[in-house]
Amino acid sequence: MTENNQTQPADVQTLSYEQAREELVAVVARLEAGGVSLEESLALWERGEALADRCEAWLEGAKARLAAARDKAEGQ
């Protein structure tokens, strides 16, 4: 588990959408491939959940910005 943390950014909140999505794809691939210990599987699952939440936050933010821009354009 420690080795895994050394190769990944500690704070998911600092990742861009693209970085979080790319890492999430890699996490899912590792989980699907199997061959990791239960402890590492749990750590990967937790990391994946955090990455998915980060991606969702980025997408929600983008939707809000688009809605605000649309509302502003309609108001002019």
C-alpha atoms as a PDB file:
ATOM      1  CA  MET A   1       0.000   0.000   0.000  1.00  0.00           C
ATOM      2  CA  THR A   2       2.804   2.443   0.723  1.00  0.00           C
ATOM      3  CA  GLU A   3       4.402   1.837  -2.662  1.00  0.00           C
ATOM      4  CA  ASN A   4       1.103   2.682  -4.332  1.00  0.00           C
ATOM      5  CA  ASN A   5       0.859   6.019  -2.509  1.00  0.00           C
ATOM      6  CA  GLN A   6       4.349   7.007  -3.643  1.00  0.00           C
ATOM      7  CA  THR A   7       3.371   6.793  -7.308  1.00  0.00           C
ATOM      8  CA  GLN A   8       0.035   8.604  -7.029  1.00  0.00           C
ATOM      9  CA  PRO A   9      -0.756  12.160  -5.984  1.00  0.00           C
ATOM     10  CA  ALA A  10      -1.832  12.164  -2.347  1.00  0.00           C
ATOM     11  CA  ASP A  11      -4.558  14.784  -2.791  1.00  0.00           C
ATOM     12  CA  VAL A  12      -7.214  13.952  -5.379  1.00  0.00           C
ATOM     13  CA  GLN A  13      -8.552  17.510  -5.081  1.00  0.00           C
ATOM     14  CA  THR A  14      -5.494  18.864  -6.910  1.00  0.00           C
ATOM     15  CA  LEU A  15      -6.113  16.757 -10.036  1.00  0.00           C
ATOM     16  CA  SER A  16      -7.621  18.081 -13.233  1.00  0.00           C
ATOM     17  CA  TYR A  17     -10.589  16.229 -14.702  1.00  0.00           C
ATOM     18  CA  GLU A  18      -8.349  14.565 -17.274  1.00  0.00           C
ATOM     19  CA  GLN A  19      -5.799  13.467 -14.670  1.00  0.00           C
ATOM     20  CA  ALA A  20      -8.479  12.067 -12.369  1.00  0.00           C
ATOM     21  CA  ARG A  21     -10.204  10.241 -15.225  1.00  0.00           C
ATOM     22  CA  GLU A  22      -6.953   8.752 -16.514  1.00  0.00           C
ATOM     23  CA  GLU A  23      -5.983   7.529 -13.062  1.00  0.00           C
ATOM     24  CA  LEU A  24      -9.496   6.170 -12.482  1.00  0.00           C
ATOM     25  CA  VAL A  25      -9.256   4.133 -15.698  1.00  0.00           C
ATOM     26  CA  ALA A  26      -5.914   2.720 -14.493  1.00  0.00           C
ATOM     27  CA  VAL A  27      -7.359   1.864 -11.068  1.00  0.00           C
ATOM     28  CA  VAL A  28     -10.314   0.044 -12.630  1.00  0.00           C
ATOM     29  CA  ALA A  29      -7.979  -1.879 -14.950  1.00  0.00           C
ATOM     30  CA  ARG A  30      -5.843  -3.006 -11.980  1.00  0.00           C
ATOM     31  CA  LEU A  31      -8.898  -4.108 -10.035  1.00  0.00           C
ATOM     32  CA  GLU A  32     -10.307  -5.982 -13.014  1.00  0.00           C
ATOM     33  CA  ALA A  33      -6.978  -7.690 -13.691  1.00  0.00           C
ATOM     34  CA  GLY A  34      -6.886  -9.101 -10.162  1.00  0.00           C
ATOM     35  CA  GLY A  35      -3.780 -10.527  -8.601  1.00  0.00           C
ATOM     36  CA  VAL A  36      -3.529  -7.917  -5.857  1.00  0.00           C
ATOM     37  CA  SER A  37      -3.933  -8.464  -2.136  1.00  0.00           C
ATOM     38  CA  LEU A  38      -7.163  -7.696  -0.337  1.00  0.00           C
ATOM     39  CA  GLU A  39      -5.527  -4.730   1.370  1.00  0.00           C
ATOM     40  CA  GLU A  40      -4.312  -3.299  -1.934  1.00  0.00           C
ATOM     41  CA  SER A  41      -7.704  -3.972  -3.551  1.00  0.00           C
ATOM     42  CA  LEU A  42      -9.402  -1.985  -0.792  1.00  0.00           C
ATOM     43  CA  ALA A  43      -6.924   0.865  -1.164  1.00  0.00           C
ATOM     44  CA  LEU A  44      -7.468   0.889  -4.937  1.00  0.00           C
ATOM     45  CA  TRP A  45     -11.248   0.842  -4.464  1.00  0.00           C
ATOM     46  CA  GLU A  46     -11.079   3.795  -2.063  1.00  0.00           C
ATOM     47  CA  ARG A  47      -8.802   5.690  -4.447  1.00  0.00           C
ATOM     48  CA  GLY A  48     -11.195   4.929  -7.291  1.00  0.00           C
ATOM     49  CA  GLU A  49     -14.142   6.246  -5.297  1.00  0.00           C
ATOM     50  CA  ALA A  50     -12.256   9.475  -4.553  1.00  0.00           C
ATOM     51  CA  LEU A  51     -11.268   9.836  -8.211  1.00  0.00           C
ATOM     52  CA  ALA A  52     -14.844   9.228  -9.373  1.00  0.00           C
ATOM     53  CA  ASP A  53     -16.074  11.875  -6.923  1.00  0.00           C
ATOM     54  CA  ARG A  54     -13.465  14.307  -8.283  1.00  0.00           C
ATOM     55  CA  CYS A  55     -14.568  13.665 -11.873  1.00  0.00           C
ATOM     56  CA  GLU A  56     -18.203  14.146 -10.898  1.00  0.00           C
ATOM     57  CA  ALA A  57     -17.377  17.432  -9.154  1.00  0.00           C
ATOM     58  CA  TRP A  58     -15.597  18.690 -12.280  1.00  0.00           C
ATOM     59  CA  LEU A  59     -18.551  17.719 -14.467  1.00  0.00           C
ATOM     60  CA  GLU A  60     -21.076  19.326 -12.107  1.00  0.00           C
ATOM     61  CA  GLY A  61     -18.978  22.496 -12.094  1.00  0.00           C
ATOM     62  CA  ALA A  62     -18.862  22.505 -15.883  1.00  0.00           C
ATOM     63  CA  LYS A  63     -22.646  22.054 -16.069  1.00  0.00           C
ATOM     64  CA  ALA A  64     -23.146  24.973 -13.679  1.00  0.00           C
ATOM     65  CA  ARG A  65     -20.823  27.198 -15.722  1.00  0.00           C
ATOM     66  CA  LEU A  66     -22.648  26.295 -18.937  1.00  0.00           C
ATOM     67  CA  ALA A  67     -26.013  27.008 -17.339  1.00  0.00           C
ATOM     68  CA  ALA A  68     -24.763  30.380 -16.063  1.00  0.00           C
ATOM     69  CA  ALA A  69     -23.397  31.290 -19.508  1.00  0.00           C
ATOM     70  CA  ARG A  70     -26.675  30.230 -21.143  1.00  0.00           C
ATOM     71  CA  ASP A  71     -28.707  32.259 -18.644  1.00  0.00           C
ATOM     72  CA  LYS A  72     -26.483  35.272 -19.217  1.00  0.00           C
ATOM     73  CA  ALA A  73     -26.792  34.968 -23.016  1.00  0.00           C
ATOM     74  CA  GLU A  74     -30.582  34.669 -22.772  1.00  0.00           C
ATOM     75  CA  GLY A  75     -30.727  37.718 -20.510  1.00  0.00           C
ATOM     76  CA  GLN A  76     -28.950  40.003 -23.000  1.00  0.00           C
END
